[in-house]
């Protein structure tokens, strides 16, 4: 059983990687995800600086 699973993984890893990449692209570039991505892009700037100059 494990040998068949290894053979299956070796034969179809590229197909799985391409499908995962397409799913990632859809998650990022789907219509309506812009507001969420803008919120995520502002996370590093959400913190106020301390008085000693360090973030």
PDB file of N, CA and C in Angstrom:
ATOM      1  N   UNK A   1       0.816  -1.198   0.000  1.00  0.00           N
ATOM      2  CA  UNK A   1       0.000   0.000   0.000  1.00  0.00           C
ATOM      3  C   UNK A   1       0.859   1.261   0.000  1.00  0.00           C
ATOM      4  N   UNK A   2       1.878   1.308   0.853  1.00  0.00           N
ATOM      5  CA  UNK A   2       2.700   2.503   0.927  1.00  0.00           C
ATOM      6  C   UNK A   2       3.514   2.703  -0.349  1.00  0.00           C
ATOM      7  N   UNK A   3       3.924   1.606  -0.991  1.00  0.00           N
ATOM      8  CA  UNK A   3       4.672   1.732  -2.238  1.00  0.00           C
ATOM      9  C   UNK A   3       3.793   2.317  -3.334  1.00  0.00           C
ATOM     10  N   UNK A   4       2.538   1.923  -3.383  1.00  0.00           N
ATOM     11  CA  UNK A   4       1.596   2.471  -4.367  1.00  0.00           C
ATOM     12  C   UNK A   4       1.356   3.958  -4.112  1.00  0.00           C
ATOM     13  N   UNK A   5       1.303   4.338  -2.844  1.00  0.00           N
ATOM     14  CA  UNK A   5       1.111   5.747  -2.502  1.00  0.00           C
ATOM     15  C   UNK A   5       2.325   6.573  -2.915  1.00  0.00           C
ATOM     16  N   UNK A   6       3.505   6.049  -2.742  1.00  0.00           N
ATOM     17  CA  UNK A   6       4.730   6.746  -3.146  1.00  0.00           C
ATOM     18  C   UNK A   6       4.779   6.902  -4.667  1.00  0.00           C
ATOM     19  N   UNK A   7       4.434   5.864  -5.384  1.00  0.00           N
ATOM     20  CA  UNK A   7       4.417   5.924  -6.850  1.00  0.00           C
ATOM     21  C   UNK A   7       3.395   6.954  -7.316  1.00  0.00           C
ATOM     22  N   UNK A   8       2.223   6.961  -6.689  1.00  0.00           N
ATOM     23  CA  UNK A   8       1.185   7.931  -7.030  1.00  0.00           C
ATOM     24  C   UNK A   8       1.680   9.354  -6.776  1.00  0.00           C
ATOM     25  N   UNK A   9       2.338   9.587  -5.638  1.00  0.00           N
ATOM     26  CA  UNK A   9       2.842  10.917  -5.305  1.00  0.00           C
ATOM     27  C   UNK A   9       3.924  11.353  -6.293  1.00  0.00           C
ATOM     28  N   UNK A  10       4.787  10.442  -6.690  1.00  0.00           N
ATOM     29  CA  UNK A  10       5.847  10.793  -7.631  1.00  0.00           C
ATOM     30  C   UNK A  10       5.308  11.084  -9.024  1.00  0.00           C
ATOM     31  N   UNK A  11       4.225  10.417  -9.400  1.00  0.00           N
ATOM     32  CA  UNK A  11       3.667  10.624 -10.726  1.00  0.00           C
ATOM     33  C   UNK A  11       2.849  11.902 -10.828  1.00  0.00           C
ATOM     34  N   UNK A  12       2.166  12.285  -9.741  1.00  0.00           N
ATOM     35  CA  UNK A  12       1.187  13.363  -9.835  1.00  0.00           C
ATOM     36  C   UNK A  12       1.519  14.580  -8.975  1.00  0.00           C
ATOM     37  N   UNK A  13       2.759  14.734  -8.526  1.00  0.00           N
ATOM     38  CA  UNK A  13       3.111  15.877  -7.699  1.00  0.00           C
ATOM     39  C   UNK A  13       3.019  17.179  -8.474  1.00  0.00           C
ATOM     40  N   UNK A  14       3.351  17.152  -9.761  1.00  0.00           N
ATOM     41  CA  UNK A  14       3.294  18.360 -10.570  1.00  0.00           C
ATOM     42  C   UNK A  14       1.849  18.826 -10.758  1.00  0.00           C
ATOM     43  N   UNK A  15       0.952  17.895 -10.980  1.00  0.00           N
ATOM     44  CA  UNK A  15      -0.461  18.244 -11.121  1.00  0.00           C
ATOM     45  C   UNK A  15      -0.977  18.867  -9.825  1.00  0.00           C
ATOM     46  N   UNK A  16      -0.621  18.284  -8.697  1.00  0.00           N
ATOM     47  CA  UNK A  16      -1.044  18.825  -7.405  1.00  0.00           C
ATOM     48  C   UNK A  16      -0.453  20.209  -7.171  1.00  0.00           C
ATOM     49  N   UNK A  17       0.798  20.422  -7.549  1.00  0.00           N
ATOM     50  CA  UNK A  17       1.435  21.724  -7.361  1.00  0.00           C
ATOM     51  C   UNK A  17       0.769  22.788  -8.231  1.00  0.00           C
ATOM     52  N   UNK A  18       0.441  22.436  -9.457  1.00  0.00           N
ATOM     53  CA  UNK A  18      -0.230  23.389 -10.350  1.00  0.00           C
ATOM     54  C   UNK A  18      -1.612  23.728  -9.813  1.00  0.00           C
ATOM     55  N   UNK A  19      -2.358  22.747  -9.340  1.00  0.00           N
ATOM     56  CA  UNK A  19      -3.684  23.002  -8.774  1.00  0.00           C
ATOM     57  C   UNK A  19      -3.595  23.873  -7.526  1.00  0.00           C
ATOM     58  N   UNK A  20      -2.599  23.637  -6.697  1.00  0.00           N
ATOM     59  CA  UNK A  20      -2.405  24.465  -5.519  1.00  0.00           C
ATOM     60  C   UNK A  20      -2.055  25.899  -5.905  1.00  0.00           C
ATOM     61  N   UNK A  21      -1.233  26.072  -6.921  1.00  0.00           N
ATOM     62  CA  UNK A  21      -0.867  27.402  -7.399  1.00  0.00           C
ATOM     63  C   UNK A  21      -2.082  28.139  -7.966  1.00  0.00           C
ATOM     64  N   UNK A  22      -2.911  27.454  -8.726  1.00  0.00           N
ATOM     65  CA  UNK A  22      -4.122  28.064  -9.281  1.00  0.00           C
ATOM     66  C   UNK A  22      -5.080  28.459  -8.157  1.00  0.00           C
ATOM     67  N   UNK A  23      -5.197  27.622  -7.132  1.00  0.00           N
ATOM     68  CA  UNK A  23      -6.053  27.954  -5.991  1.00  0.00           C
ATOM     69  C   UNK A  23      -5.524  29.189  -5.264  1.00  0.00           C
ATOM     70  N   UNK A  24      -4.222  29.293  -5.133  1.00  0.00           N
ATOM     71  CA  UNK A  24      -3.618  30.463  -4.506  1.00  0.00           C
ATOM     72  C   UNK A  24      -3.871  31.721  -5.332  1.00  0.00           C
ATOM     73  N   UNK A  25      -3.719  31.617  -6.642  1.00  0.00           N
ATOM     74  CA  UNK A  25      -3.995  32.766  -7.505  1.00  0.00           C
ATOM     75  C   UNK A  25      -5.444  33.195  -7.405  1.00  0.00           C
ATOM     76  N   UNK A  26      -6.359  32.244  -7.364  1.00  0.00           N
ATOM     77  CA  UNK A  26      -7.775  32.573  -7.246  1.00  0.00           C
ATOM     78  C   UNK A  26      -8.050  33.273  -5.915  1.00  0.00           C
ATOM     79  N   UNK A  27      -7.446  32.801  -4.841  1.00  0.00           N
ATOM     80  CA  UNK A  27      -7.645  33.408  -3.527  1.00  0.00           C
ATOM     81  C   UNK A  27      -7.176  34.864  -3.517  1.00  0.00           C
ATOM     82  N   UNK A  28      -6.082  35.146  -4.192  1.00  0.00           N
ATOM     83  CA  UNK A  28      -5.511  36.488  -4.172  1.00  0.00           C
ATOM     84  C   UNK A  28      -6.207  37.419  -5.159  1.00  0.00           C
ATOM     85  N   UNK A  29      -6.489  36.963  -6.361  1.00  0.00           N
ATOM     86  CA  UNK A  29      -6.984  37.837  -7.416  1.00  0.00           C
ATOM     87  C   UNK A  29      -8.478  37.727  -7.681  1.00  0.00           C
ATOM     88  N   UNK A  30      -9.220  37.081  -6.815  1.00  0.00           N
ATOM     89  CA  UNK A  30     -10.657  36.976  -7.041  1.00  0.00           C
ATOM     90  C   UNK A  30     -11.306  38.345  -6.853  1.00  0.00           C
ATOM     91  N   UNK A  31     -12.414  38.559  -7.518  1.00  0.00           N
ATOM     92  CA  UNK A  31     -13.114  39.838  -7.328  1.00  0.00           C
ATOM     93  C   UNK A  31     -13.594  39.947  -5.880  1.00  0.00           C
ATOM     94  N   UNK A  32     -13.402  41.080  -5.291  1.00  0.00           N
ATOM     95  CA  UNK A  32     -13.860  41.290  -3.926  1.00  0.00           C
ATOM     96  C   UNK A  32     -12.810  41.046  -2.863  1.00  0.00           C
ATOM     97  N   UNK A  33     -11.628  40.601  -3.222  1.00  0.00           N
ATOM     98  CA  UNK A  33     -10.601  40.367  -2.212  1.00  0.00           C
ATOM     99  C   UNK A  33      -9.698  41.579  -2.024  1.00  0.00           C
ATOM    100  N   UNK A  34      -9.941  42.628  -2.767  1.00  0.00           N
ATOM    101  CA  UNK A  34      -9.074  43.807  -2.690  1.00  0.00           C
ATOM    102  C   UNK A  34      -9.131  44.465  -1.312  1.00  0.00           C
ATOM    103  N   UNK A  35     -10.322  44.579  -0.744  1.00  0.00           N
ATOM    104  CA  UNK A  35     -10.444  45.219   0.576  1.00  0.00           C
ATOM    105  C   UNK A  35      -9.693  44.422   1.633  1.00  0.00           C
ATOM    106  N   UNK A  36      -9.794  43.122   1.566  1.00  0.00           N
ATOM    107  CA  UNK A  36      -9.076  42.280   2.524  1.00  0.00           C
ATOM    108  C   UNK A  36      -7.566  42.410   2.341  1.00  0.00           C
ATOM    109  N   UNK A  37      -7.096  42.438   1.113  1.00  0.00           N
ATOM    110  CA  UNK A  37      -5.667  42.576   0.863  1.00  0.00           C
ATOM    111  C   UNK A  37      -5.159  43.952   1.295  1.00  0.00           C
ATOM    112  N   UNK A  38      -5.982  44.994   1.116  1.00  0.00           N
ATOM    113  CA  UNK A  38      -5.591  46.331   1.581  1.00  0.00           C
ATOM    114  C   UNK A  38      -5.465  46.362   3.102  1.00  0.00           C
ATOM    115  N   UNK A  39      -6.384  45.705   3.808  1.00  0.00           N
ATOM    116  CA  UNK A  39      -6.290  45.638   5.270  1.00  0.00           C
ATOM    117  C   UNK A  39      -5.035  44.903   5.699  1.00  0.00           C
ATOM    118  N   UNK A  40      -4.722  43.823   5.020  1.00  0.00           N
ATOM    119  CA  UNK A  40      -3.522  43.056   5.354  1.00  0.00           C
ATOM    120  C   UNK A  40      -2.250  43.851   5.050  1.00  0.00           C
ATOM    121  N   UNK A  41      -2.276  44.656   4.011  1.00  0.00           N
ATOM    122  CA  UNK A  41      -1.101  45.438   3.647  1.00  0.00           C
ATOM    123  C   UNK A  41      -0.817  46.537   4.664  1.00  0.00           C
ATOM    124  N   UNK A  42      -1.847  46.993   5.398  1.00  0.00           N
ATOM    125  CA  UNK A  42      -1.655  48.058   6.385  1.00  0.00           C
ATOM    126  C   UNK A  42      -1.272  47.536   7.762  1.00  0.00           C
ATOM    127  N   UNK A  43      -1.152  46.251   7.964  1.00  0.00           N
ATOM    128  CA  UNK A  43      -0.829  45.688   9.274  1.00  0.00           C
ATOM    129  C   UNK A  43       0.502  46.217   9.823  1.00  0.00           C
ATOM    130  N   UNK A  44       1.577  46.273   9.052  1.00  0.00           N
ATOM    131  CA  UNK A  44       2.847  46.757   9.631  1.00  0.00           C
ATOM    132  C   UNK A  44       2.791  48.207  10.104  1.00  0.00           C
ATOM    133  N   UNK A  45       1.893  48.993   9.557  1.00  0.00           N
ATOM    134  CA  UNK A  45       1.809  50.402   9.906  1.00  0.00           C
ATOM    135  C   UNK A  45       0.768  50.688  10.982  1.00  0.00           C
ATOM    136  N   UNK A  46       0.139  49.668  11.517  1.00  0.00           N
ATOM    137  CA  UNK A  46      -0.932  49.853  12.487  1.00  0.00           C
ATOM    138  C   UNK A  46      -0.404  50.144  13.886  1.00  0.00           C
ATOM    139  N   UNK A  47       0.842  49.861  14.166  1.00  0.00           N
ATOM    140  CA  UNK A  47       1.390  50.040  15.498  1.00  0.00           C
ATOM    141  C   UNK A  47       1.949  51.448  15.662  1.00  0.00           C
ATOM    142  N   UNK A  48       1.733  52.016  16.815  1.00  0.00           N
ATOM    143  CA  UNK A  48       2.287  53.332  17.090  1.00  0.00           C
ATOM    144  C   UNK A  48       3.724  53.184  17.568  1.00  0.00           C
ATOM    145  N   UNK A  49       4.535  54.199  17.293  1.00  0.00           N
ATOM    146  CA  UNK A  49       5.930  54.147  17.723  1.00  0.00           C
ATOM    147  C   UNK A  49       6.025  54.512  19.194  1.00  0.00           C
ATOM    148  N   UNK A  50       7.011  53.929  19.861  1.00  0.00           N
ATOM    149  CA  UNK A  50       7.287  54.300  21.244  1.00  0.00           C
ATOM    150  C   UNK A  50       7.963  55.666  21.276  1.00  0.00           C
ATOM    151  N   UNK A  51       8.065  56.237  22.451  1.00  0.00           N
ATOM    152  CA  UNK A  51       8.649  57.579  22.569  1.00  0.00           C
ATOM    153  C   UNK A  51      10.161  57.576  22.359  1.00  0.00           C
ATOM    154  N   UNK A  52      10.806  56.418  22.519  1.00  0.00           N
ATOM    155  CA  UNK A  52      12.249  56.382  22.341  1.00  0.00           C
ATOM    156  C   UNK A  52      12.663  56.163  20.883  1.00  0.00           C
ATOM    157  N   UNK A  53      11.713  56.129  19.970  1.00  0.00           N
ATOM    158  CA  UNK A  53      12.023  56.022  18.558  1.00  0.00           C
ATOM    159  C   UNK A  53      11.967  54.625  17.998  1.00  0.00           C
ATOM    160  N   UNK A  54      11.884  53.622  18.859  1.00  0.00           N
ATOM    161  CA  UNK A  54      11.785  52.256  18.367  1.00  0.00           C
ATOM    162  C   UNK A  54      10.333  51.915  18.092  1.00  0.00           C
ATOM    163  N   UNK A  55      10.122  51.073  17.128  1.00  0.00           N
ATOM    164  CA  UNK A  55       8.759  50.683  16.783  1.00  0.00           C
ATOM    165  C   UNK A  55       8.213  49.674  17.751  1.00  0.00           C
TER     166      UNK A  55
END
